[in-house]
Amino acid sequence: MTTQTFTPSVPPFLLAPPGVYRPQHDTRLLARALNREFMNSETRVLELGTGSGALALEAARRGARVTAVDISRRAVLTARFNAMIARRRVTVRRGDLTGAVAGQSYDLVISNPPYVPSPDARPPRKGDARAWDAGHDGRILVDRICDAAPAVLRPTGALLVVHSGLCGVDATLDRLAGAGMAAVVTDRAMVPFGPVLRSRLPWLRRTGLLGDEAEEELVVIRAEHA
């Protein structure tokens, strides 16, 4: 397992309009984990919640056959545009997680889902916050991915998911174990609080989700069929 501190970089061509998650620290951390995975022209990769398509494009750059899914129409259009500009072949579908790829199976499933704890119990249905808000504990999408991903993974496939330590790392490991997966933390990084977390510091500390920390921990979890 590696622990890193870094500043994210964004490819200059990448479009990320309002309402679509712009690649940040978590994107780069997951990209590093992604680049340790074996891929060739026969590797099938599924990205759940593609946003701008940055990670899907990275997998396509490695030669994989990539399908990217997002529930946001704007994100789907953005990912398609970015794939076209990058001249990478990525199939982008609109849908709710694995519901958009029923009957398909993949060698690798990757996801950087919304995971920021929010005072609102339900995630927003529109607006910029849709790309990061995920309920009181930040786990609405993380839990759904833990439950759904195993069914679309091939027997030797792997899941890579990144989220904040605020969501509960052990909760993710336990959830995946309950779904028949062997999961471990492969990467950690300490990053400065972004504007969303800074705006919620009083609430996060009042609820006990955050103490006196001055940085946020990000983790990448890798899981395989047990």
C-alpha atoms as a PDB file:
ATOM      1  CA  MET A   1       0.000   0.000   0.000  1.00  0.00           C
ATOM      2  CA  THR A   2       1.248   3.462  -0.868  1.00  0.00           C
ATOM      3  CA  THR A   3       0.568   6.748   0.912  1.00  0.00           C
ATOM      4  CA  GLN A   4       0.978   9.885  -1.155  1.00  0.00           C
ATOM      5  CA  THR A   5       0.571  13.635  -1.008  1.00  0.00           C
ATOM      6  CA  PHE A   6       0.207  15.320  -4.365  1.00  0.00           C
ATOM      7  CA  THR A   7      -1.455  17.988  -6.461  1.00  0.00           C
ATOM      8  CA  PRO A   8      -3.801  16.715  -9.157  1.00  0.00           C
ATOM      9  CA  SER A   9      -3.268  17.465 -12.820  1.00  0.00           C
ATOM     10  CA  VAL A  10      -5.977  17.658 -15.461  1.00  0.00           C
ATOM     11  CA  PRO A  11      -5.372  16.967 -19.155  1.00  0.00           C
ATOM     12  CA  PRO A  12      -5.629  20.274 -21.012  1.00  0.00           C
ATOM     13  CA  PHE A  13      -8.215  18.957 -23.463  1.00  0.00           C
ATOM     14  CA  LEU A  14     -10.640  17.709 -20.795  1.00  0.00           C
ATOM     15  CA  LEU A  15     -14.000  19.473 -20.697  1.00  0.00           C
ATOM     16  CA  ALA A  16     -15.762  19.579 -17.332  1.00  0.00           C
ATOM     17  CA  PRO A  17     -18.708  22.009 -17.460  1.00  0.00           C
ATOM     18  CA  PRO A  18     -20.776  23.023 -14.408  1.00  0.00           C
ATOM     19  CA  GLY A  19     -22.639  20.029 -13.030  1.00  0.00           C
ATOM     20  CA  VAL A  20     -19.940  17.545 -14.142  1.00  0.00           C
ATOM     21  CA  TYR A  21     -17.249  16.495 -11.685  1.00  0.00           C
ATOM     22  CA  ARG A  22     -13.899  17.962 -12.584  1.00  0.00           C
ATOM     23  CA  PRO A  23     -10.960  15.541 -12.044  1.00  0.00           C
ATOM     24  CA  GLN A  24      -9.290  16.170  -8.705  1.00  0.00           C
ATOM     25  CA  HIS A  25      -7.059  14.394  -6.166  1.00  0.00           C
ATOM     26  CA  ASP A  26      -9.307  11.320  -6.022  1.00  0.00           C
ATOM     27  CA  THR A  27      -9.285  10.965  -9.801  1.00  0.00           C
ATOM     28  CA  ARG A  28      -5.515  10.944  -9.922  1.00  0.00           C
ATOM     29  CA  LEU A  29      -5.192   8.517  -7.022  1.00  0.00           C
ATOM     30  CA  LEU A  30      -7.556   6.072  -8.722  1.00  0.00           C
ATOM     31  CA  ALA A  31      -5.742   6.555 -12.041  1.00  0.00           C
ATOM     32  CA  ARG A  32      -2.501   5.462 -10.388  1.00  0.00           C
ATOM     33  CA  ALA A  33      -4.164   2.316  -9.080  1.00  0.00           C
ATOM     34  CA  LEU A  34      -5.735   1.727 -12.485  1.00  0.00           C
ATOM     35  CA  ASN A  35      -2.356   1.892 -14.177  1.00  0.00           C
ATOM     36  CA  ARG A  36      -1.067  -0.986 -12.062  1.00  0.00           C
ATOM     37  CA  GLU A  37      -3.714  -3.293 -13.522  1.00  0.00           C
ATOM     38  CA  PHE A  38      -2.921  -5.509 -16.492  1.00  0.00           C
ATOM     39  CA  MET A  39      -4.775  -4.442 -19.627  1.00  0.00           C
ATOM     40  CA  ASN A  40      -4.721  -5.310 -23.304  1.00  0.00           C
ATOM     41  CA  SER A  41      -7.107  -5.130 -26.230  1.00  0.00           C
ATOM     42  CA  GLU A  42      -9.216  -7.948 -24.749  1.00  0.00           C
ATOM     43  CA  THR A  43      -9.644  -6.339 -21.333  1.00  0.00           C
ATOM     44  CA  ARG A  44     -13.170  -5.104 -20.686  1.00  0.00           C
ATOM     45  CA  VAL A  45     -13.421  -2.151 -18.311  1.00  0.00           C
ATOM     46  CA  LEU A  46     -16.553  -0.600 -16.825  1.00  0.00           C
ATOM     47  CA  GLU A  47     -16.545   2.812 -15.157  1.00  0.00           C
ATOM     48  CA  LEU A  48     -19.510   3.606 -12.923  1.00  0.00           C
ATOM     49  CA  GLY A  49     -20.187   7.332 -12.586  1.00  0.00           C
ATOM     50  CA  THR A  50     -17.814   8.512 -15.271  1.00  0.00           C
ATOM     51  CA  GLY A  51     -18.335  12.276 -14.933  1.00  0.00           C
ATOM     52  CA  SER A  52     -15.956  13.898 -17.410  1.00  0.00           C
ATOM     53  CA  GLY A  53     -14.716  10.488 -18.562  1.00  0.00           C
ATOM     54  CA  ALA A  54     -11.134  11.044 -17.375  1.00  0.00           C
ATOM     55  CA  LEU A  55     -10.664   7.549 -15.951  1.00  0.00           C
ATOM     56  CA  ALA A  56     -12.444   5.858 -18.834  1.00  0.00           C
ATOM     57  CA  LEU A  57     -10.078   7.652 -21.200  1.00  0.00           C
ATOM     58  CA  GLU A  58      -7.084   6.482 -19.176  1.00  0.00           C
ATOM     59  CA  ALA A  59      -8.225   2.873 -19.484  1.00  0.00           C
ATOM     60  CA  ALA A  60      -8.833   3.350 -23.213  1.00  0.00           C
ATOM     61  CA  ARG A  61      -5.349   4.808 -23.562  1.00  0.00           C
ATOM     62  CA  ARG A  62      -4.046   1.545 -22.137  1.00  0.00           C
ATOM     63  CA  GLY A  63      -5.836  -0.322 -24.931  1.00  0.00           C
ATOM     64  CA  ALA A  64      -8.826  -1.667 -22.989  1.00  0.00           C
ATOM     65  CA  ARG A  65     -12.380  -1.941 -24.285  1.00  0.00           C
ATOM     66  CA  VAL A  66     -14.157   0.607 -22.107  1.00  0.00           C
ATOM     67  CA  THR A  67     -17.779   1.235 -21.219  1.00  0.00           C
ATOM     68  CA  ALA A  68     -18.580   4.294 -19.089  1.00  0.00           C
ATOM     69  CA  VAL A  69     -21.887   4.898 -17.319  1.00  0.00           C
ATOM     70  CA  ASP A  70     -23.404   7.970 -15.701  1.00  0.00           C
ATOM     71  CA  ILE A  71     -26.935   8.883 -14.679  1.00  0.00           C
ATOM     72  CA  SER A  72     -26.391  12.532 -15.635  1.00  0.00           C
ATOM     73  CA  ARG A  73     -27.190  13.467 -19.223  1.00  0.00           C
ATOM     74  CA  ARG A  74     -24.663  16.287 -19.044  1.00  0.00           C
ATOM     75  CA  ALA A  75     -21.941  13.912 -17.863  1.00  0.00           C
ATOM     76  CA  VAL A  76     -22.732  11.435 -20.644  1.00  0.00           C
ATOM     77  CA  LEU A  77     -22.476  14.153 -23.288  1.00  0.00           C
ATOM     78  CA  THR A  78     -19.289  15.490 -21.698  1.00  0.00           C
ATOM     79  CA  ALA A  79     -17.604  12.070 -21.592  1.00  0.00           C
ATOM     80  CA  ARG A  80     -18.547  11.418 -25.215  1.00  0.00           C
ATOM     81  CA  PHE A  81     -17.129  14.782 -26.259  1.00  0.00           C
ATOM     82  CA  ASN A  82     -13.899  14.227 -24.340  1.00  0.00           C
ATOM     83  CA  ALA A  83     -13.493  10.768 -25.880  1.00  0.00           C
ATOM     84  CA  MET A  84     -13.974  12.256 -29.330  1.00  0.00           C
ATOM     85  CA  ILE A  85     -11.427  15.012 -28.713  1.00  0.00           C
ATOM     86  CA  ALA A  86      -8.944  12.509 -27.273  1.00  0.00           C
ATOM     87  CA  ARG A  87      -9.593  10.108 -30.174  1.00  0.00           C
ATOM     88  CA  ARG A  88     -10.278   7.244 -27.805  1.00  0.00           C
ATOM     89  CA  ARG A  89     -12.962   4.637 -28.270  1.00  0.00           C
ATOM     90  CA  VAL A  90     -15.222   4.667 -25.214  1.00  0.00           C
ATOM     91  CA  THR A  91     -18.848   3.508 -25.133  1.00  0.00           C
ATOM     92  CA  VAL A  92     -20.747   5.936 -22.895  1.00  0.00           C
ATOM     93  CA  ARG A  93     -24.202   4.983 -21.650  1.00  0.00           C
ATOM     94  CA  ARG A  94     -26.720   6.841 -19.543  1.00  0.00           C
ATOM     95  CA  GLY A  95     -28.117   4.798 -16.701  1.00  0.00           C
ATOM     96  CA  ASP A  96     -28.119   3.952 -13.014  1.00  0.00           C
ATOM     97  CA  LEU A  97     -24.877   2.096 -12.235  1.00  0.00           C
ATOM     98  CA  THR A  98     -24.876  -1.518 -13.490  1.00  0.00           C
ATOM     99  CA  GLY A  99     -28.488  -1.244 -14.623  1.00  0.00           C
ATOM    100  CA  ALA A 100     -27.123   0.303 -17.807  1.00  0.00           C
ATOM    101  CA  VAL A 101     -25.087  -2.828 -18.664  1.00  0.00           C
ATOM    102  CA  ALA A 102     -27.447  -5.664 -17.798  1.00  0.00           C
ATOM    103  CA  GLY A 103     -26.158  -9.035 -18.915  1.00  0.00           C
ATOM    104  CA  GLN A 104     -22.588  -7.832 -19.453  1.00  0.00           C
ATOM    105  CA  SER A 105     -19.436  -8.821 -17.566  1.00  0.00           C
ATOM    106  CA  TYR A 106     -16.105  -7.072 -17.120  1.00  0.00           C
ATOM    107  CA  ASP A 107     -12.515  -7.704 -16.139  1.00  0.00           C
ATOM    108  CA  LEU A 108     -12.268  -4.446 -14.234  1.00  0.00           C
ATOM    109  CA  VAL A 109     -14.864  -2.152 -12.667  1.00  0.00           C
ATOM    110  CA  ILE A 110     -13.713   1.291 -11.529  1.00  0.00           C
ATOM    111  CA  SER A 111     -15.591   4.033  -9.746  1.00  0.00           C
ATOM    112  CA  ASN A 112     -15.065   7.436  -8.171  1.00  0.00           C
ATOM    113  CA  PRO A 113     -18.618   7.897  -6.881  1.00  0.00           C
ATOM    114  CA  PRO A 114     -20.154  10.800  -4.974  1.00  0.00           C
ATOM    115  CA  TYR A 115     -19.059  10.263  -1.358  1.00  0.00           C
ATOM    116  CA  VAL A 116     -19.179  13.588   0.496  1.00  0.00           C
ATOM    117  CA  PRO A 117     -21.301  13.460   3.677  1.00  0.00           C
ATOM    118  CA  SER A 118     -24.143  15.943   3.493  1.00  0.00           C
ATOM    119  CA  PRO A 119     -26.634  17.468   5.934  1.00  0.00           C
ATOM    120  CA  ASP A 120     -29.300  16.288   3.468  1.00  0.00           C
ATOM    121  CA  ALA A 121     -30.246  12.638   3.851  1.00  0.00           C
ATOM    122  CA  ARG A 122     -30.961  12.155   0.163  1.00  0.00           C
ATOM    123  CA  PRO A 123     -28.567  12.995  -2.686  1.00  0.00           C
ATOM    124  CA  PRO A 124     -29.661  15.888  -4.913  1.00  0.00           C
ATOM    125  CA  ARG A 125     -31.406  15.068  -8.182  1.00  0.00           C
ATOM    126  CA  LYS A 126     -29.887  18.026 -10.016  1.00  0.00           C
ATOM    127  CA  GLY A 127     -27.287  20.760  -9.682  1.00  0.00           C
ATOM    128  CA  ASP A 128     -23.530  20.690  -9.120  1.00  0.00           C
ATOM    129  CA  ALA A 129     -23.807  18.908  -5.742  1.00  0.00           C
ATOM    130  CA  ARG A 130     -25.158  15.837  -7.510  1.00  0.00           C
ATOM    131  CA  ALA A 131     -21.535  15.037  -8.394  1.00  0.00           C
ATOM    132  CA  TRP A 132     -20.403  14.784  -4.755  1.00  0.00           C
ATOM    133  CA  ASP A 133     -23.218  14.702  -2.159  1.00  0.00           C
ATOM    134  CA  ALA A 134     -24.092  11.210  -0.895  1.00  0.00           C
ATOM    135  CA  GLY A 135     -26.307  11.415   2.177  1.00  0.00           C
ATOM    136  CA  HIS A 136     -25.525  11.843   5.880  1.00  0.00           C
ATOM    137  CA  ASP A 137     -22.690   9.295   5.936  1.00  0.00           C
ATOM    138  CA  GLY A 138     -21.544   9.707   2.325  1.00  0.00           C
ATOM    139  CA  ARG A 139     -22.258   6.047   1.589  1.00  0.00           C
ATOM    140  CA  ILE A 140     -25.408   6.021  -0.535  1.00  0.00           C
ATOM    141  CA  LEU A 141     -23.533   5.356  -3.776  1.00  0.00           C
ATOM    142  CA  VAL A 142     -20.551   3.575  -2.227  1.00  0.00           C
ATOM    143  CA  ASP A 143     -22.807   0.921  -0.691  1.00  0.00           C
ATOM    144  CA  ARG A 144     -24.741   0.438  -3.910  1.00  0.00           C
ATOM    145  CA  ILE A 145     -21.511  -0.065  -5.848  1.00  0.00           C
ATOM    146  CA  CYS A 146     -20.246  -2.591  -3.300  1.00  0.00           C
ATOM    147  CA  ASP A 147     -23.492  -4.526  -3.726  1.00  0.00           C
ATOM    148  CA  ALA A 148     -23.797  -4.293  -7.510  1.00  0.00           C
ATOM    149  CA  ALA A 149     -20.239  -4.579  -8.834  1.00  0.00           C
ATOM    150  CA  PRO A 150     -19.626  -8.254  -7.965  1.00  0.00           C
ATOM    151  CA  ALA A 151     -22.440  -9.362 -10.268  1.00  0.00           C
ATOM    152  CA  VAL A 152     -20.802  -7.804 -13.355  1.00  0.00           C
ATOM    153  CA  LEU A 153     -17.245  -8.859 -12.533  1.00  0.00           C
ATOM    154  CA  ARG A 154     -15.776 -11.884 -14.260  1.00  0.00           C
ATOM    155  CA  PRO A 155     -14.401 -14.615 -11.947  1.00  0.00           C
ATOM    156  CA  THR A 156     -10.874 -13.189 -12.144  1.00  0.00           C
ATOM    157  CA  GLY A 157     -12.001  -9.554 -12.299  1.00  0.00           C
ATOM    158  CA  ALA A 158     -11.341  -6.715  -9.867  1.00  0.00           C
ATOM    159  CA  LEU A 159     -13.132  -3.672  -8.512  1.00  0.00           C
ATOM    160  CA  LEU A 160     -11.310  -0.405  -7.829  1.00  0.00           C
ATOM    161  CA  VAL A 161     -13.192   2.277  -5.916  1.00  0.00           C
ATOM    162  CA  VAL A 162     -11.951   5.510  -4.371  1.00  0.00           C
ATOM    163  CA  HIS A 163     -13.595   7.471  -1.572  1.00  0.00           C
ATOM    164  CA  SER A 164     -12.931   9.606   1.475  1.00  0.00           C
ATOM    165  CA  GLY A 165     -11.962   8.163   4.814  1.00  0.00           C
ATOM    166  CA  LEU A 166     -14.919  10.133   6.181  1.00  0.00           C
ATOM    167  CA  CYS A 167     -17.203   7.481   4.656  1.00  0.00           C
ATOM    168  CA  GLY A 168     -15.716   4.685   6.731  1.00  0.00           C
ATOM    169  CA  VAL A 169     -13.032   2.512   5.173  1.00  0.00           C
ATOM    170  CA  ASP A 170     -13.876  -0.502   7.328  1.00  0.00           C
ATOM    171  CA  ALA A 171     -17.523  -0.162   6.347  1.00  0.00           C
ATOM    172  CA  THR A 172     -16.563  -0.571   2.689  1.00  0.00           C
ATOM    173  CA  LEU A 173     -14.291  -3.537   3.385  1.00  0.00           C
ATOM    174  CA  ASP A 174     -17.048  -5.205   5.417  1.00  0.00           C
ATOM    175  CA  ARG A 175     -19.692  -4.478   2.796  1.00  0.00           C
ATOM    176  CA  LEU A 176     -17.572  -6.035   0.070  1.00  0.00           C
ATOM    177  CA  ALA A 177     -16.814  -9.048   2.246  1.00  0.00           C
ATOM    178  CA  GLY A 178     -20.549  -9.499   2.701  1.00  0.00           C
ATOM    179  CA  ALA A 179     -20.896  -9.524  -1.088  1.00  0.00           C
ATOM    180  CA  GLY A 180     -18.333 -12.321  -1.375  1.00  0.00           C
ATOM    181  CA  MET A 181     -15.331 -10.129  -2.180  1.00  0.00           C
ATOM    182  CA  ALA A 182     -11.830 -10.063  -0.736  1.00  0.00           C
ATOM    183  CA  ALA A 183     -10.966  -6.372  -0.401  1.00  0.00           C
ATOM    184  CA  VAL A 184      -7.904  -4.418   0.673  1.00  0.00           C
ATOM    185  CA  VAL A 185      -6.822  -0.778   0.760  1.00  0.00           C
ATOM    186  CA  THR A 186      -4.119  -0.333  -1.883  1.00  0.00           C
ATOM    187  CA  ASP A 187      -3.556   3.437  -1.839  1.00  0.00           C
ATOM    188  CA  ARG A 188      -3.952   6.290   0.605  1.00  0.00           C
ATOM    189  CA  ALA A 189      -3.400  10.006   0.190  1.00  0.00           C
ATOM    190  CA  MET A 190      -3.772  13.016   2.468  1.00  0.00           C
ATOM    191  CA  VAL A 191      -5.161  16.044   0.638  1.00  0.00           C
ATOM    192  CA  PRO A 192      -6.277  19.535   1.657  1.00  0.00           C
ATOM    193  CA  PHE A 193      -9.951  20.066   2.358  1.00  0.00           C
ATOM    194  CA  GLY A 194     -11.757  21.246  -0.739  1.00  0.00           C
ATOM    195  CA  PRO A 195     -14.323  24.052  -0.766  1.00  0.00           C
ATOM    196  CA  VAL A 196     -17.268  21.706  -0.143  1.00  0.00           C
ATOM    197  CA  LEU A 197     -15.755  20.156   2.976  1.00  0.00           C
ATOM    198  CA  ARG A 198     -14.543  23.548   4.217  1.00  0.00           C
ATOM    199  CA  SER A 199     -18.078  24.861   3.957  1.00  0.00           C
ATOM    200  CA  ARG A 200     -19.329  21.926   6.091  1.00  0.00           C
ATOM    201  CA  LEU A 201     -16.631  21.784   8.753  1.00  0.00           C
ATOM    202  CA  PRO A 202     -18.935  22.885  11.615  1.00  0.00           C
ATOM    203  CA  TRP A 203     -21.550  20.270  10.676  1.00  0.00           C
ATOM    204  CA  LEU A 204     -18.965  17.506  10.127  1.00  0.00           C
ATOM    205  CA  ARG A 205     -17.369  18.172  13.506  1.00  0.00           C
ATOM    206  CA  ARG A 206     -20.695  18.490  15.276  1.00  0.00           C
ATOM    207  CA  THR A 207     -21.784  15.097  13.955  1.00  0.00           C
ATOM    208  CA  GLY A 208     -18.467  13.450  14.808  1.00  0.00           C
ATOM    209  CA  LEU A 209     -17.539  12.616  11.215  1.00  0.00           C
ATOM    210  CA  LEU A 210     -14.519  14.888  11.500  1.00  0.00           C
ATOM    211  CA  GLY A 211     -12.302  15.831  14.423  1.00  0.00           C
ATOM    212  CA  ASP A 212      -9.447  18.296  14.432  1.00  0.00           C
ATOM    213  CA  GLU A 213      -7.914  17.024  11.201  1.00  0.00           C
ATOM    214  CA  ALA A 214      -6.608  19.617   8.769  1.00  0.00           C
ATOM    215  CA  GLU A 215      -6.585  17.257   5.783  1.00  0.00           C
ATOM    216  CA  GLU A 216      -8.809  14.628   4.245  1.00  0.00           C
ATOM    217  CA  GLU A 217      -7.697  11.051   3.702  1.00  0.00           C
ATOM    218  CA  LEU A 218      -8.564   9.406   0.384  1.00  0.00           C
ATOM    219  CA  VAL A 219      -8.375   5.651  -0.097  1.00  0.00           C
ATOM    220  CA  VAL A 220      -8.468   3.277  -3.057  1.00  0.00           C
ATOM    221  CA  ILE A 221      -9.961  -0.124  -2.294  1.00  0.00           C
ATOM    222  CA  ARG A 222      -9.360  -3.110  -4.548  1.00  0.00           C
ATOM    223  CA  ALA A 223     -11.617  -6.151  -4.374  1.00  0.00           C
ATOM    224  CA  GLU A 224     -11.693  -9.562  -6.054  1.00  0.00           C
ATOM    225  CA  HIS A 225     -14.048 -12.506  -5.800  1.00  0.00           C
ATOM    226  CA  ALA A 226     -13.121 -14.451  -2.670  1.00  0.00           C
END
